[in-house]
Amino acid sequence: MKLTRARILEVNRRGINNPDEMLAWYTPALQIAFDLGQRGIDLSVQPTVTGYRYGAMPEGGLSYNYADDRSERGLSLAAIDGQDEVGSSVWFAGRAKVTVTGLLLPYQGSDGEPLVLPYDVDDMDSEEV
């Protein structure tokens, strides 16, 4: 089963409603949605966007920040459709352009790029996996 907006929002709502619950998710995007909910951040107000990145989506759907040696808290996009490309994407210009749809996060990546929780990744927490 693939991740959907409804599934991300369901887990985010669980975090909002249970700020002290100790729970871990196998699906990285769901862990982020839950963590944000526990911090009182309601993702239901965030839009679904389509954009592009350079290179295939990493397994699990989160980008890695090599400069800081840690995962981003979402998937980096070079641009959202209709917006200018982020300047740092020049480093990835030799890679294939890949279209991504996901829930836009209310913060940016380390280089100022838009971050999303992508919909086209496996929901490893689904009972249908």
N, C-alpha and C. Protein backbone atom coordinates (compact mmCIF):
# COMPACT_ATOMS: atom_id res chain seq x y z
N MET A 1 0.85 -1.18 0.00
CA MET A 1 0.00 0.00 0.00
C MET A 1 0.90 1.24 0.00
N LYS A 2 0.52 2.22 -0.78
CA LYS A 2 1.29 3.47 -0.87
C LYS A 2 0.74 4.50 0.12
N LEU A 3 1.62 5.38 0.53
CA LEU A 3 1.26 6.45 1.45
C LEU A 3 0.31 7.43 0.76
N THR A 4 -0.66 7.93 1.49
CA THR A 4 -1.63 8.90 0.97
C THR A 4 -1.69 10.11 1.90
N ARG A 5 -2.28 11.16 1.40
CA ARG A 5 -2.50 12.35 2.23
C ARG A 5 -3.35 11.99 3.45
N ALA A 6 -4.41 11.22 3.23
CA ALA A 6 -5.30 10.84 4.32
C ALA A 6 -4.55 10.08 5.41
N ARG A 7 -3.66 9.19 5.01
CA ARG A 7 -2.90 8.40 5.99
C ARG A 7 -1.93 9.30 6.78
N ILE A 8 -1.26 10.21 6.10
CA ILE A 8 -0.35 11.13 6.77
C ILE A 8 -1.12 11.98 7.78
N LEU A 9 -2.27 12.49 7.38
CA LEU A 9 -3.07 13.34 8.27
C LEU A 9 -3.65 12.54 9.45
N GLU A 10 -3.99 11.28 9.21
CA GLU A 10 -4.48 10.41 10.29
C GLU A 10 -3.42 10.26 11.38
N VAL A 11 -2.18 10.01 10.96
CA VAL A 11 -1.09 9.83 11.92
C VAL A 11 -0.73 11.16 12.59
N ASN A 12 -0.76 12.25 11.83
CA ASN A 12 -0.50 13.57 12.41
C ASN A 12 -1.55 13.89 13.47
N ARG A 13 -2.81 13.59 13.19
CA ARG A 13 -3.91 13.84 14.15
C ARG A 13 -3.71 12.99 15.41
N ARG A 14 -3.23 11.76 15.22
CA ARG A 14 -2.96 10.91 16.39
C ARG A 14 -1.90 11.57 17.28
N GLY A 15 -0.88 12.14 16.67
CA GLY A 15 0.15 12.84 17.44
C GLY A 15 -0.41 14.05 18.17
N ILE A 16 -1.29 14.80 17.49
CA ILE A 16 -1.92 15.98 18.11
C ILE A 16 -2.75 15.55 19.32
N ASN A 17 -3.52 14.47 19.16
CA ASN A 17 -4.42 14.01 20.21
C ASN A 17 -3.71 13.26 21.34
N ASN A 18 -2.48 12.81 21.09
CA ASN A 18 -1.74 12.01 22.07
C ASN A 18 -0.31 12.53 22.20
N PRO A 19 -0.14 13.74 22.73
CA PRO A 19 1.20 14.34 22.75
C PRO A 19 2.22 13.61 23.62
N ASP A 20 1.76 12.75 24.51
CA ASP A 20 2.69 12.04 25.39
C ASP A 20 2.86 10.56 25.02
N GLU A 21 2.19 10.13 23.95
CA GLU A 21 2.26 8.73 23.55
C GLU A 21 3.65 8.39 23.01
N MET A 22 4.20 7.29 23.48
CA MET A 22 5.49 6.80 22.99
C MET A 22 5.20 5.81 21.87
N LEU A 23 5.50 6.20 20.65
CA LEU A 23 5.19 5.37 19.50
C LEU A 23 6.20 5.61 18.41
N ALA A 24 6.61 4.56 17.75
CA ALA A 24 7.54 4.68 16.62
C ALA A 24 6.89 4.08 15.38
N TRP A 25 7.17 4.69 14.26
CA TRP A 25 6.62 4.27 12.97
C TRP A 25 7.77 3.78 12.09
N TYR A 26 7.54 2.72 11.33
CA TYR A 26 8.54 2.21 10.39
C TYR A 26 8.67 3.12 9.17
N THR A 27 7.57 3.75 8.78
CA THR A 27 7.57 4.62 7.60
C THR A 27 8.07 6.00 8.02
N PRO A 28 9.23 6.45 7.50
CA PRO A 28 9.80 7.72 7.95
C PRO A 28 8.86 8.91 7.84
N ALA A 29 8.08 9.01 6.77
CA ALA A 29 7.16 10.14 6.62
C ALA A 29 6.09 10.13 7.70
N LEU A 30 5.66 8.94 8.11
CA LEU A 30 4.65 8.86 9.17
C LEU A 30 5.25 9.24 10.52
N GLN A 31 6.51 8.89 10.74
CA GLN A 31 7.16 9.29 11.99
C GLN A 31 7.24 10.81 12.08
N ILE A 32 7.58 11.45 10.97
CA ILE A 32 7.65 12.91 10.95
C ILE A 32 6.27 13.51 11.20
N ALA A 33 5.23 12.98 10.52
CA ALA A 33 3.87 13.48 10.71
C ALA A 33 3.44 13.35 12.17
N PHE A 34 3.75 12.22 12.78
CA PHE A 34 3.40 11.98 14.18
C PHE A 34 4.15 12.95 15.10
N ASP A 35 5.46 13.06 14.90
CA ASP A 35 6.28 13.97 15.71
C ASP A 35 5.77 15.41 15.63
N LEU A 36 5.45 15.86 14.42
CA LEU A 36 4.94 17.22 14.26
C LEU A 36 3.62 17.39 14.98
N GLY A 37 2.76 16.38 14.90
CA GLY A 37 1.50 16.43 15.63
C GLY A 37 1.72 16.55 17.12
N GLN A 38 2.67 15.79 17.66
CA GLN A 38 2.95 15.88 19.09
C GLN A 38 3.46 17.26 19.50
N ARG A 39 4.01 17.99 18.54
CA ARG A 39 4.46 19.36 18.80
C ARG A 39 3.36 20.38 18.54
N GLY A 40 2.15 19.89 18.23
CA GLY A 40 1.02 20.77 18.00
C GLY A 40 0.92 21.32 16.59
N ILE A 41 1.67 20.75 15.65
CA ILE A 41 1.64 21.23 14.26
C ILE A 41 0.64 20.40 13.46
N ASP A 42 -0.44 21.05 13.05
CA ASP A 42 -1.53 20.41 12.31
C ASP A 42 -1.23 20.48 10.82
N LEU A 43 -0.94 19.34 10.21
CA LEU A 43 -0.59 19.30 8.79
C LEU A 43 -1.81 19.39 7.87
N SER A 44 -3.01 19.33 8.42
CA SER A 44 -4.21 19.37 7.56
C SER A 44 -4.35 20.71 6.84
N VAL A 45 -3.68 21.75 7.33
CA VAL A 45 -3.75 23.06 6.68
C VAL A 45 -2.72 23.19 5.55
N GLN A 46 -1.84 22.22 5.43
CA GLN A 46 -0.79 22.25 4.40
C GLN A 46 -1.31 21.70 3.08
N PRO A 47 -0.94 22.32 1.96
CA PRO A 47 -1.43 21.87 0.67
C PRO A 47 -0.69 20.63 0.15
N THR A 48 -1.36 19.94 -0.75
CA THR A 48 -0.69 18.93 -1.57
C THR A 48 -0.07 19.67 -2.74
N VAL A 49 1.19 19.39 -3.02
CA VAL A 49 1.88 20.05 -4.13
C VAL A 49 2.54 19.00 -5.01
N THR A 50 2.80 19.41 -6.24
CA THR A 50 3.60 18.62 -7.17
C THR A 50 4.79 19.46 -7.56
N GLY A 51 5.92 18.83 -7.58
CA GLY A 51 7.15 19.52 -7.96
C GLY A 51 8.12 18.52 -8.53
N TYR A 52 9.38 18.89 -8.54
CA TYR A 52 10.38 17.96 -9.06
C TYR A 52 11.66 18.06 -8.26
N ARG A 53 12.42 17.01 -8.37
CA ARG A 53 13.73 16.91 -7.77
C ARG A 53 14.66 16.30 -8.81
N TYR A 54 15.93 16.32 -8.55
CA TYR A 54 16.89 15.68 -9.44
C TYR A 54 17.37 14.39 -8.79
N GLY A 55 17.16 13.30 -9.48
CA GLY A 55 17.54 11.98 -8.97
C GLY A 55 16.35 11.28 -8.35
N ALA A 56 16.47 9.97 -8.27
CA ALA A 56 15.39 9.14 -7.74
C ALA A 56 15.12 9.47 -6.28
N MET A 57 13.90 9.21 -5.88
CA MET A 57 13.52 9.40 -4.49
C MET A 57 14.27 8.37 -3.64
N PRO A 58 14.89 8.78 -2.56
CA PRO A 58 15.59 7.82 -1.69
C PRO A 58 14.60 6.82 -1.10
N GLU A 59 15.10 5.62 -0.80
CA GLU A 59 14.26 4.62 -0.16
C GLU A 59 13.76 5.20 1.16
N GLY A 60 12.48 5.06 1.42
CA GLY A 60 11.89 5.63 2.63
C GLY A 60 11.35 7.04 2.42
N GLY A 61 11.78 7.71 1.35
CA GLY A 61 11.20 8.99 1.00
C GLY A 61 11.75 10.21 1.70
N LEU A 62 12.88 10.09 2.41
CA LEU A 62 13.49 11.26 3.05
C LEU A 62 14.82 11.57 2.39
N SER A 63 15.11 12.84 2.23
CA SER A 63 16.40 13.27 1.69
C SER A 63 17.46 13.20 2.77
N TYR A 64 18.70 13.13 2.33
CA TYR A 64 19.82 13.12 3.28
C TYR A 64 20.64 14.38 3.07
N ASN A 65 20.96 15.04 4.17
CA ASN A 65 21.77 16.25 4.14
C ASN A 65 23.22 15.83 4.45
N TYR A 66 24.03 15.74 3.41
CA TYR A 66 25.40 15.28 3.58
C TYR A 66 26.27 16.30 4.32
N ALA A 67 25.97 17.57 4.17
CA ALA A 67 26.76 18.60 4.86
C ALA A 67 26.61 18.48 6.37
N ASP A 68 25.40 18.16 6.84
CA ASP A 68 25.14 18.03 8.27
C ASP A 68 25.16 16.57 8.73
N ASP A 69 25.33 15.64 7.78
CA ASP A 69 25.39 14.20 8.06
C ASP A 69 24.16 13.71 8.83
N ARG A 70 22.98 14.07 8.30
CA ARG A 70 21.72 13.61 8.90
C ARG A 70 20.60 13.71 7.86
N SER A 71 19.52 13.01 8.15
CA SER A 71 18.35 13.07 7.26
C SER A 71 17.67 14.42 7.37
N GLU A 72 17.10 14.85 6.25
CA GLU A 72 16.20 16.01 6.28
C GLU A 72 14.91 15.52 6.93
N ARG A 73 14.07 16.43 7.34
CA ARG A 73 12.77 16.07 7.91
C ARG A 73 11.70 16.11 6.83
N GLY A 74 12.03 15.54 5.66
CA GLY A 74 11.14 15.46 4.53
C GLY A 74 11.95 15.17 3.27
N LEU A 75 11.28 15.19 2.13
CA LEU A 75 11.92 14.96 0.84
C LEU A 75 12.15 16.31 0.17
N SER A 76 13.39 16.58 -0.20
CA SER A 76 13.75 17.84 -0.86
C SER A 76 13.26 17.88 -2.30
N LEU A 77 12.73 19.03 -2.68
CA LEU A 77 12.36 19.28 -4.07
C LEU A 77 13.23 20.42 -4.59
N ALA A 78 13.56 20.36 -5.87
CA ALA A 78 14.27 21.48 -6.50
C ALA A 78 13.32 22.65 -6.69
N ALA A 79 12.05 22.34 -6.95
CA ALA A 79 11.03 23.38 -7.12
C ALA A 79 9.64 22.77 -7.04
N ILE A 80 8.70 23.59 -6.62
CA ILE A 80 7.28 23.26 -6.70
C ILE A 80 6.80 23.81 -8.03
N ASP A 81 5.92 23.08 -8.70
CA ASP A 81 5.41 23.55 -9.99
C ASP A 81 4.93 24.99 -9.90
N GLY A 82 5.38 25.81 -10.83
CA GLY A 82 5.00 27.21 -10.88
C GLY A 82 5.89 28.13 -10.07
N GLN A 83 6.88 27.57 -9.39
CA GLN A 83 7.80 28.39 -8.59
C GLN A 83 9.22 28.24 -9.13
N ASP A 84 10.08 29.17 -8.75
CA ASP A 84 11.47 29.13 -9.17
C ASP A 84 12.21 27.97 -8.51
N GLU A 85 13.21 27.48 -9.22
CA GLU A 85 14.04 26.41 -8.71
C GLU A 85 14.98 26.95 -7.63
N VAL A 86 15.25 26.13 -6.63
CA VAL A 86 16.18 26.49 -5.57
C VAL A 86 17.59 26.51 -6.14
N GLY A 87 18.37 27.51 -5.80
CA GLY A 87 19.72 27.67 -6.35
C GLY A 87 20.64 26.50 -6.11
N SER A 88 20.49 25.82 -4.96
CA SER A 88 21.40 24.73 -4.64
C SER A 88 21.21 23.53 -5.56
N SER A 89 20.13 23.48 -6.32
CA SER A 89 19.88 22.34 -7.18
C SER A 89 20.85 22.26 -8.35
N VAL A 90 21.65 23.29 -8.58
CA VAL A 90 22.64 23.27 -9.65
C VAL A 90 23.60 22.09 -9.47
N TRP A 91 23.83 21.65 -8.23
CA TRP A 91 24.72 20.53 -7.95
C TRP A 91 24.18 19.22 -8.48
N PHE A 92 22.90 19.16 -8.73
CA PHE A 92 22.26 17.90 -9.14
C PHE A 92 21.80 17.91 -10.58
N ALA A 93 22.21 18.90 -11.35
CA ALA A 93 21.71 19.09 -12.71
C ALA A 93 22.00 17.91 -13.64
N GLY A 94 22.98 17.07 -13.33
CA GLY A 94 23.28 15.92 -14.17
C GLY A 94 22.36 14.74 -13.94
N ARG A 95 21.51 14.81 -12.94
CA ARG A 95 20.60 13.72 -12.61
C ARG A 95 19.26 13.89 -13.32
N ALA A 96 18.54 12.80 -13.45
CA ALA A 96 17.22 12.84 -14.09
C ALA A 96 16.25 13.65 -13.24
N LYS A 97 15.38 14.37 -13.92
CA LYS A 97 14.33 15.15 -13.27
C LYS A 97 13.17 14.21 -12.93
N VAL A 98 12.77 14.17 -11.66
CA VAL A 98 11.74 13.25 -11.20
C VAL A 98 10.59 14.06 -10.59
N THR A 99 9.37 13.80 -11.04
CA THR A 99 8.19 14.47 -10.53
C THR A 99 7.74 13.81 -9.23
N VAL A 100 7.38 14.63 -8.25
CA VAL A 100 6.97 14.14 -6.93
C VAL A 100 5.73 14.91 -6.49
N THR A 101 4.78 14.18 -5.91
CA THR A 101 3.60 14.80 -5.30
C THR A 101 3.60 14.43 -3.82
N GLY A 102 3.29 15.41 -2.99
CA GLY A 102 3.26 15.14 -1.56
C GLY A 102 2.69 16.31 -0.78
N LEU A 103 2.67 16.16 0.52
CA LEU A 103 2.17 17.18 1.43
C LEU A 103 3.31 18.14 1.74
N LEU A 104 3.10 19.41 1.43
CA LEU A 104 4.13 20.43 1.67
C LEU A 104 4.29 20.65 3.16
N LEU A 105 5.53 20.59 3.63
CA LEU A 105 5.79 20.80 5.05
C LEU A 105 5.89 22.30 5.36
N PRO A 106 5.63 22.68 6.61
CA PRO A 106 5.63 24.10 6.98
C PRO A 106 7.02 24.66 7.28
N TYR A 107 8.05 23.99 6.81
CA TYR A 107 9.43 24.45 6.98
C TYR A 107 10.22 24.02 5.75
N GLN A 108 11.41 24.57 5.62
CA GLN A 108 12.25 24.27 4.46
C GLN A 108 13.44 23.41 4.85
N GLY A 109 14.09 22.87 3.82
CA GLY A 109 15.30 22.09 4.04
C GLY A 109 16.49 22.99 4.36
N SER A 110 17.62 22.38 4.60
CA SER A 110 18.80 23.11 5.03
C SER A 110 19.32 24.10 4.00
N ASP A 111 18.98 23.90 2.72
CA ASP A 111 19.39 24.83 1.67
C ASP A 111 18.25 25.74 1.21
N GLY A 112 17.18 25.80 2.01
CA GLY A 112 16.05 26.64 1.65
C GLY A 112 15.09 26.00 0.66
N GLU A 113 15.27 24.72 0.40
CA GLU A 113 14.42 24.03 -0.57
C GLU A 113 13.11 23.58 0.08
N PRO A 114 12.05 23.47 -0.73
CA PRO A 114 10.79 22.97 -0.20
C PRO A 114 10.92 21.49 0.17
N LEU A 115 10.25 21.10 1.25
CA LEU A 115 10.23 19.72 1.70
C LEU A 115 8.79 19.21 1.69
N VAL A 116 8.63 17.97 1.29
CA VAL A 116 7.32 17.33 1.29
C VAL A 116 7.40 15.98 1.99
N LEU A 117 6.24 15.49 2.41
CA LEU A 117 6.08 14.09 2.78
C LEU A 117 5.46 13.44 1.54
N PRO A 118 6.24 12.65 0.82
CA PRO A 118 5.79 12.14 -0.48
C PRO A 118 4.71 11.07 -0.35
N TYR A 119 3.82 11.04 -1.33
CA TYR A 119 2.74 10.06 -1.35
C TYR A 119 3.14 8.75 -2.01
N ASP A 120 4.13 8.74 -2.85
CA ASP A 120 4.45 7.55 -3.63
C ASP A 120 5.56 6.72 -2.98
N VAL A 121 5.41 6.44 -1.69
CA VAL A 121 6.33 5.55 -0.98
C VAL A 121 5.50 4.47 -0.28
N ASP A 122 6.13 3.37 0.02
CA ASP A 122 5.43 2.28 0.70
C ASP A 122 5.09 2.68 2.12
N ASP A 123 3.85 2.37 2.52
CA ASP A 123 3.41 2.55 3.90
C ASP A 123 3.77 1.26 4.62
N MET A 124 4.91 1.26 5.27
CA MET A 124 5.42 0.06 5.94
C MET A 124 4.68 -0.24 7.23
N ASP A 125 3.79 0.65 7.65
CA ASP A 125 3.01 0.44 8.85
C ASP A 125 1.59 -0.05 8.55
N SER A 126 1.26 -0.13 7.29
CA SER A 126 -0.07 -0.58 6.89
C SER A 126 -0.20 -2.07 7.14
N GLU A 127 -1.38 -2.48 7.54
CA GLU A 127 -1.65 -3.90 7.75
C GLU A 127 -1.71 -4.64 6.42
N GLU A 128 -1.77 -3.91 5.31
CA GLU A 128 -1.89 -4.54 3.98
C GLU A 128 -0.53 -4.74 3.31
N VAL A 129 0.56 -4.44 4.02
CA VAL A 129 1.90 -4.58 3.41
C VAL A 129 2.22 -6.03 3.22
